[in-house]
Amino acid sequence: MRWTKSFLEIDETIITLLTNPGGFCDVAEDRIHRERNILKSYIREYPDFRTTHTAWIHVAEHEIIQKMIASTEIFHIGPMAAVAGAISETVLEAVIEAGAKEVVVDNGGDIALYIHDPVYIG
């Protein structure tokens, strides 16, 4: 079997995770909790981060915040436009670090892939 399919729902984050067999669901779940806690903490400190519709110009130390800022500033839109994609990407990285050989992370249509053979989506 090429894929193991898992569904993770943590607050507003709803992810479909496809990996090669190997029990990577716990790794993904831990990373989702970690990144959501970072986001919640940052939003408590900077409430406008959650609602701004323009580029965010503040410095951030956490990688997920940096990813969100970098991917939206070129379009002059608010960083929350990139939250699902940033979570998908960090989950992908964590699962690969844990040893997964192939991974698909779908977070509400924001998809991060690490694959070797073609895969059809749709």
N, C-alpha and C. Protein backbone atom coordinates (compact mmCIF):
# COMPACT_ATOMS: atom_id res chain seq x y z
N MET A 1 0.85 -1.18 0.00
CA MET A 1 0.00 0.00 0.00
C MET A 1 0.89 1.24 0.00
N ARG A 2 0.62 2.15 -0.93
CA ARG A 2 1.44 3.35 -1.05
C ARG A 2 1.14 4.37 0.03
N TRP A 3 -0.15 4.54 0.42
CA TRP A 3 -0.53 5.63 1.30
C TRP A 3 -1.24 5.14 2.56
N THR A 4 -1.00 5.84 3.63
CA THR A 4 -1.81 5.77 4.83
C THR A 4 -2.51 7.12 4.93
N LYS A 5 -3.84 7.09 5.08
CA LYS A 5 -4.62 8.33 5.10
C LYS A 5 -5.10 8.60 6.51
N SER A 6 -4.89 9.85 6.97
CA SER A 6 -5.32 10.27 8.30
C SER A 6 -6.05 11.61 8.18
N PHE A 7 -7.01 11.81 9.07
CA PHE A 7 -7.72 13.07 9.15
C PHE A 7 -7.45 13.68 10.52
N LEU A 8 -7.04 14.93 10.53
CA LEU A 8 -6.74 15.63 11.77
C LEU A 8 -7.57 16.90 11.84
N GLU A 9 -8.29 17.08 12.92
CA GLU A 9 -9.09 18.29 13.11
C GLU A 9 -8.72 18.87 14.47
N ILE A 10 -8.07 20.02 14.43
CA ILE A 10 -7.64 20.71 15.65
C ILE A 10 -8.09 22.16 15.52
N ASP A 11 -9.12 22.50 16.28
CA ASP A 11 -9.74 23.83 16.18
C ASP A 11 -10.12 24.09 14.73
N GLU A 12 -9.64 25.19 14.14
CA GLU A 12 -9.99 25.53 12.76
C GLU A 12 -9.16 24.78 11.73
N THR A 13 -8.14 24.06 12.15
CA THR A 13 -7.25 23.35 11.24
C THR A 13 -7.81 21.96 10.97
N ILE A 14 -8.14 21.71 9.71
CA ILE A 14 -8.66 20.41 9.29
C ILE A 14 -7.77 19.89 8.17
N ILE A 15 -7.00 18.84 8.49
CA ILE A 15 -5.98 18.35 7.57
C ILE A 15 -6.26 16.91 7.17
N THR A 16 -6.08 16.64 5.87
CA THR A 16 -5.99 15.28 5.37
C THR A 16 -4.52 15.02 5.13
N LEU A 17 -4.01 13.97 5.73
CA LEU A 17 -2.59 13.63 5.65
C LEU A 17 -2.44 12.29 4.97
N LEU A 18 -1.67 12.26 3.90
CA LEU A 18 -1.31 11.02 3.22
C LEU A 18 0.18 10.82 3.38
N THR A 19 0.56 9.65 3.88
CA THR A 19 1.98 9.33 4.01
C THR A 19 2.19 7.87 3.64
N ASN A 20 3.43 7.52 3.44
CA ASN A 20 3.73 6.10 3.34
C ASN A 20 3.48 5.50 4.74
N PRO A 21 3.15 4.21 4.82
CA PRO A 21 2.88 3.63 6.13
C PRO A 21 4.05 3.86 7.10
N GLY A 22 3.72 4.16 8.34
CA GLY A 22 4.79 4.37 9.31
C GLY A 22 4.37 5.14 10.54
N GLY A 23 3.10 5.45 10.68
CA GLY A 23 2.62 6.09 11.91
C GLY A 23 3.06 7.52 12.09
N PHE A 24 2.84 8.35 11.10
CA PHE A 24 3.27 9.74 11.17
C PHE A 24 2.18 10.69 11.65
N CYS A 25 1.02 10.16 11.96
CA CYS A 25 -0.11 11.00 12.37
C CYS A 25 0.20 11.76 13.67
N ASP A 26 0.82 11.11 14.64
CA ASP A 26 1.16 11.77 15.91
C ASP A 26 2.15 12.91 15.69
N VAL A 27 3.10 12.72 14.80
CA VAL A 27 4.07 13.77 14.48
C VAL A 27 3.34 14.98 13.90
N ALA A 28 2.43 14.72 12.97
CA ALA A 28 1.67 15.81 12.35
C ALA A 28 0.82 16.53 13.38
N GLU A 29 0.14 15.77 14.22
CA GLU A 29 -0.72 16.37 15.25
C GLU A 29 0.09 17.23 16.22
N ASP A 30 1.24 16.74 16.64
CA ASP A 30 2.10 17.53 17.54
C ASP A 30 2.53 18.83 16.88
N ARG A 31 2.88 18.78 15.59
CA ARG A 31 3.33 19.98 14.89
C ARG A 31 2.18 20.97 14.74
N ILE A 32 0.99 20.48 14.45
CA ILE A 32 -0.16 21.38 14.33
C ILE A 32 -0.39 22.11 15.65
N HIS A 33 -0.40 21.37 16.75
CA HIS A 33 -0.57 22.01 18.06
C HIS A 33 0.51 23.05 18.32
N ARG A 34 1.75 22.70 18.02
CA ARG A 34 2.87 23.62 18.25
C ARG A 34 2.70 24.91 17.45
N GLU A 35 2.41 24.78 16.16
CA GLU A 35 2.30 25.97 15.31
C GLU A 35 1.08 26.80 15.68
N ARG A 36 -0.03 26.17 16.01
CA ARG A 36 -1.22 26.92 16.42
C ARG A 36 -0.95 27.67 17.72
N ASN A 37 -0.22 27.07 18.65
CA ASN A 37 0.12 27.76 19.90
C ASN A 37 1.02 28.97 19.64
N ILE A 38 1.96 28.82 18.74
CA ILE A 38 2.82 29.95 18.36
C ILE A 38 1.97 31.07 17.78
N LEU A 39 1.07 30.73 16.87
CA LEU A 39 0.20 31.74 16.25
C LEU A 39 -0.68 32.43 17.29
N LYS A 40 -1.28 31.66 18.17
CA LYS A 40 -2.15 32.24 19.20
C LYS A 40 -1.36 33.20 20.09
N SER A 41 -0.17 32.80 20.47
CA SER A 41 0.67 33.64 21.32
C SER A 41 1.05 34.94 20.60
N TYR A 42 1.42 34.82 19.32
CA TYR A 42 1.81 36.00 18.55
C TYR A 42 0.62 36.95 18.38
N ILE A 43 -0.56 36.39 18.16
CA ILE A 43 -1.75 37.22 17.98
C ILE A 43 -2.13 37.91 19.30
N ARG A 44 -1.90 37.25 20.42
CA ARG A 44 -2.14 37.93 21.71
C ARG A 44 -1.23 39.14 21.87
N GLU A 45 0.01 38.99 21.40
CA GLU A 45 0.97 40.09 21.49
C GLU A 45 0.70 41.17 20.44
N TYR A 46 0.31 40.74 19.25
CA TYR A 46 0.05 41.66 18.13
C TYR A 46 -1.34 41.36 17.55
N PRO A 47 -2.40 41.83 18.18
CA PRO A 47 -3.76 41.50 17.72
C PRO A 47 -4.05 41.89 16.27
N ASP A 48 -3.42 42.94 15.78
CA ASP A 48 -3.67 43.37 14.40
C ASP A 48 -3.16 42.36 13.37
N PHE A 49 -2.26 41.50 13.76
CA PHE A 49 -1.74 40.46 12.86
C PHE A 49 -2.89 39.62 12.29
N ARG A 50 -3.90 39.37 13.11
CA ARG A 50 -5.01 38.52 12.71
C ARG A 50 -5.97 39.20 11.74
N THR A 51 -6.06 40.52 11.78
CA THR A 51 -7.10 41.20 11.02
C THR A 51 -6.60 42.13 9.91
N THR A 52 -5.32 42.41 9.88
CA THR A 52 -4.83 43.34 8.87
C THR A 52 -5.01 42.78 7.47
N HIS A 53 -5.29 43.67 6.54
CA HIS A 53 -5.42 43.29 5.13
C HIS A 53 -4.25 43.82 4.31
N THR A 54 -3.25 44.33 5.00
CA THR A 54 -2.07 44.85 4.33
C THR A 54 -0.84 44.09 4.82
N ALA A 55 0.27 44.29 4.13
CA ALA A 55 1.51 43.59 4.48
C ALA A 55 1.90 43.89 5.93
N TRP A 56 2.40 42.88 6.61
CA TRP A 56 2.83 42.98 8.00
C TRP A 56 4.32 43.30 8.00
N ILE A 57 4.70 44.39 8.69
CA ILE A 57 6.09 44.84 8.61
C ILE A 57 6.87 44.61 9.90
N HIS A 58 6.29 43.91 10.85
CA HIS A 58 6.99 43.65 12.11
C HIS A 58 7.94 42.46 11.97
N VAL A 59 8.96 42.44 12.79
CA VAL A 59 9.90 41.32 12.81
C VAL A 59 9.29 40.20 13.65
N ALA A 60 9.51 38.97 13.23
CA ALA A 60 9.01 37.81 13.96
C ALA A 60 10.12 36.78 14.09
N GLU A 61 10.19 36.15 15.26
CA GLU A 61 11.25 35.17 15.48
C GLU A 61 10.83 33.76 15.07
N HIS A 62 9.55 33.46 15.07
CA HIS A 62 9.09 32.10 14.79
C HIS A 62 8.97 31.86 13.29
N GLU A 63 9.37 30.67 12.87
CA GLU A 63 9.41 30.35 11.45
C GLU A 63 8.04 30.42 10.78
N ILE A 64 7.00 29.95 11.45
CA ILE A 64 5.68 29.98 10.81
C ILE A 64 5.23 31.41 10.56
N ILE A 65 5.50 32.31 11.48
CA ILE A 65 5.14 33.73 11.30
C ILE A 65 5.96 34.32 10.15
N GLN A 66 7.25 33.99 10.11
CA GLN A 66 8.11 34.47 9.03
C GLN A 66 7.62 33.99 7.67
N LYS A 67 7.20 32.72 7.59
CA LYS A 67 6.69 32.18 6.33
C LYS A 67 5.44 32.94 5.88
N MET A 68 4.55 33.19 6.83
CA MET A 68 3.31 33.90 6.51
C MET A 68 3.58 35.31 6.03
N ILE A 69 4.49 36.00 6.69
CA ILE A 69 4.84 37.37 6.31
C ILE A 69 5.47 37.38 4.92
N ALA A 70 6.44 36.49 4.71
CA ALA A 70 7.17 36.48 3.44
C ALA A 70 6.27 36.13 2.27
N SER A 71 5.34 35.22 2.47
CA SER A 71 4.51 34.79 1.34
C SER A 71 3.38 35.76 1.01
N THR A 72 3.10 36.70 1.90
CA THR A 72 2.01 37.65 1.62
C THR A 72 2.49 39.08 1.36
N GLU A 73 3.68 39.41 1.82
CA GLU A 73 4.12 40.81 1.68
C GLU A 73 4.29 41.21 0.22
N ILE A 74 4.66 40.28 -0.63
CA ILE A 74 4.85 40.63 -2.05
C ILE A 74 3.53 40.97 -2.73
N PHE A 75 2.42 40.52 -2.14
CA PHE A 75 1.10 40.82 -2.70
C PHE A 75 0.40 41.95 -1.94
N HIS A 76 1.07 42.46 -0.90
CA HIS A 76 0.53 43.54 -0.07
C HIS A 76 -0.81 43.14 0.55
N ILE A 77 -0.87 41.92 1.06
CA ILE A 77 -2.07 41.43 1.75
C ILE A 77 -1.69 40.98 3.16
N GLY A 78 -2.67 40.78 3.99
CA GLY A 78 -2.42 40.39 5.37
C GLY A 78 -1.88 38.97 5.49
N PRO A 79 -1.08 38.72 6.51
CA PRO A 79 -0.42 37.42 6.67
C PRO A 79 -1.34 36.25 6.95
N MET A 80 -2.53 36.49 7.47
CA MET A 80 -3.44 35.39 7.75
C MET A 80 -3.94 34.72 6.45
N ALA A 81 -3.73 35.37 5.32
CA ALA A 81 -4.06 34.75 4.04
C ALA A 81 -3.20 33.52 3.79
N ALA A 82 -2.10 33.41 4.51
CA ALA A 82 -1.16 32.30 4.30
C ALA A 82 -1.15 31.30 5.45
N VAL A 83 -2.08 31.41 6.38
CA VAL A 83 -2.01 30.55 7.57
C VAL A 83 -2.15 29.08 7.21
N ALA A 84 -3.11 28.71 6.39
CA ALA A 84 -3.31 27.29 6.07
C ALA A 84 -2.11 26.71 5.32
N GLY A 85 -1.59 27.47 4.37
CA GLY A 85 -0.43 27.00 3.63
C GLY A 85 0.81 26.87 4.50
N ALA A 86 0.98 27.81 5.42
CA ALA A 86 2.14 27.75 6.32
C ALA A 86 2.05 26.54 7.25
N ILE A 87 0.86 26.26 7.74
CA ILE A 87 0.69 25.07 8.58
C ILE A 87 0.92 23.81 7.76
N SER A 88 0.40 23.75 6.54
CA SER A 88 0.65 22.59 5.67
C SER A 88 2.14 22.36 5.48
N GLU A 89 2.86 23.44 5.21
CA GLU A 89 4.30 23.33 4.95
C GLU A 89 5.06 22.86 6.20
N THR A 90 4.73 23.39 7.37
CA THR A 90 5.46 22.99 8.57
C THR A 90 5.12 21.55 8.98
N VAL A 91 3.88 21.12 8.74
CA VAL A 91 3.52 19.72 8.99
C VAL A 91 4.30 18.81 8.04
N LEU A 92 4.36 19.18 6.78
CA LEU A 92 5.13 18.42 5.80
C LEU A 92 6.57 18.26 6.26
N GLU A 93 7.20 19.36 6.66
CA GLU A 93 8.59 19.32 7.11
C GLU A 93 8.78 18.39 8.30
N ALA A 94 7.86 18.44 9.26
CA ALA A 94 7.96 17.61 10.46
C ALA A 94 7.85 16.13 10.13
N VAL A 95 6.93 15.79 9.24
CA VAL A 95 6.71 14.39 8.88
C VAL A 95 7.90 13.85 8.08
N ILE A 96 8.47 14.67 7.22
CA ILE A 96 9.67 14.26 6.49
C ILE A 96 10.82 14.04 7.48
N GLU A 97 11.00 14.98 8.42
CA GLU A 97 12.06 14.83 9.43
C GLU A 97 11.90 13.55 10.24
N ALA A 98 10.65 13.11 10.41
CA ALA A 98 10.37 11.90 11.17
C ALA A 98 10.58 10.63 10.34
N GLY A 99 10.87 10.79 9.05
CA GLY A 99 11.21 9.64 8.24
C GLY A 99 10.25 9.27 7.13
N ALA A 100 9.21 10.05 6.91
CA ALA A 100 8.28 9.75 5.82
C ALA A 100 8.99 9.89 4.48
N LYS A 101 8.68 8.99 3.57
CA LYS A 101 9.29 9.01 2.24
C LYS A 101 8.45 9.78 1.23
N GLU A 102 7.13 9.78 1.44
CA GLU A 102 6.22 10.56 0.60
C GLU A 102 5.12 11.13 1.50
N VAL A 103 4.73 12.38 1.21
CA VAL A 103 3.76 13.06 2.06
C VAL A 103 2.90 13.98 1.21
N VAL A 104 1.59 13.99 1.52
CA VAL A 104 0.67 14.99 0.99
C VAL A 104 -0.07 15.54 2.20
N VAL A 105 -0.03 16.85 2.38
CA VAL A 105 -0.75 17.53 3.46
C VAL A 105 -1.74 18.48 2.81
N ASP A 106 -3.02 18.22 3.02
CA ASP A 106 -4.08 19.07 2.47
C ASP A 106 -4.78 19.75 3.63
N ASN A 107 -4.60 21.04 3.74
CA ASN A 107 -5.21 21.85 4.79
C ASN A 107 -6.22 22.78 4.14
N GLY A 108 -7.41 22.27 3.91
CA GLY A 108 -8.46 23.09 3.30
C GLY A 108 -8.15 23.55 1.90
N GLY A 109 -7.40 22.76 1.15
CA GLY A 109 -7.04 23.12 -0.21
C GLY A 109 -5.65 23.71 -0.35
N ASP A 110 -5.04 24.09 0.76
CA ASP A 110 -3.64 24.52 0.74
C ASP A 110 -2.81 23.25 0.91
N ILE A 111 -2.20 22.81 -0.19
CA ILE A 111 -1.58 21.49 -0.24
C ILE A 111 -0.07 21.62 -0.32
N ALA A 112 0.60 20.83 0.54
CA ALA A 112 2.06 20.71 0.50
C ALA A 112 2.38 19.27 0.14
N LEU A 113 3.30 19.07 -0.80
CA LEU A 113 3.61 17.74 -1.31
C LEU A 113 5.10 17.44 -1.22
N TYR A 114 5.39 16.19 -0.94
CA TYR A 114 6.75 15.65 -1.07
C TYR A 114 6.55 14.25 -1.63
N ILE A 115 6.67 14.11 -2.95
CA ILE A 115 6.35 12.85 -3.62
C ILE A 115 7.43 12.50 -4.63
N HIS A 116 7.49 11.22 -4.97
CA HIS A 116 8.47 10.75 -5.95
C HIS A 116 7.81 10.32 -7.25
N ASP A 117 6.59 9.84 -7.16
CA ASP A 117 5.84 9.40 -8.32
C ASP A 117 4.61 10.29 -8.48
N PRO A 118 4.05 10.35 -9.68
CA PRO A 118 2.87 11.20 -9.89
C PRO A 118 1.72 10.85 -8.95
N VAL A 119 0.98 11.87 -8.58
CA VAL A 119 -0.22 11.69 -7.78
C VAL A 119 -1.29 12.60 -8.37
N TYR A 120 -2.52 12.10 -8.43
CA TYR A 120 -3.62 12.89 -8.98
C TYR A 120 -4.41 13.48 -7.84
N ILE A 121 -4.68 14.77 -7.95
CA ILE A 121 -5.45 15.49 -6.93
C ILE A 121 -6.68 16.06 -7.61
N GLY A 122 -7.81 15.81 -7.00
CA GLY A 122 -9.02 16.39 -7.56
C GLY A 122 -10.17 15.43 -7.53
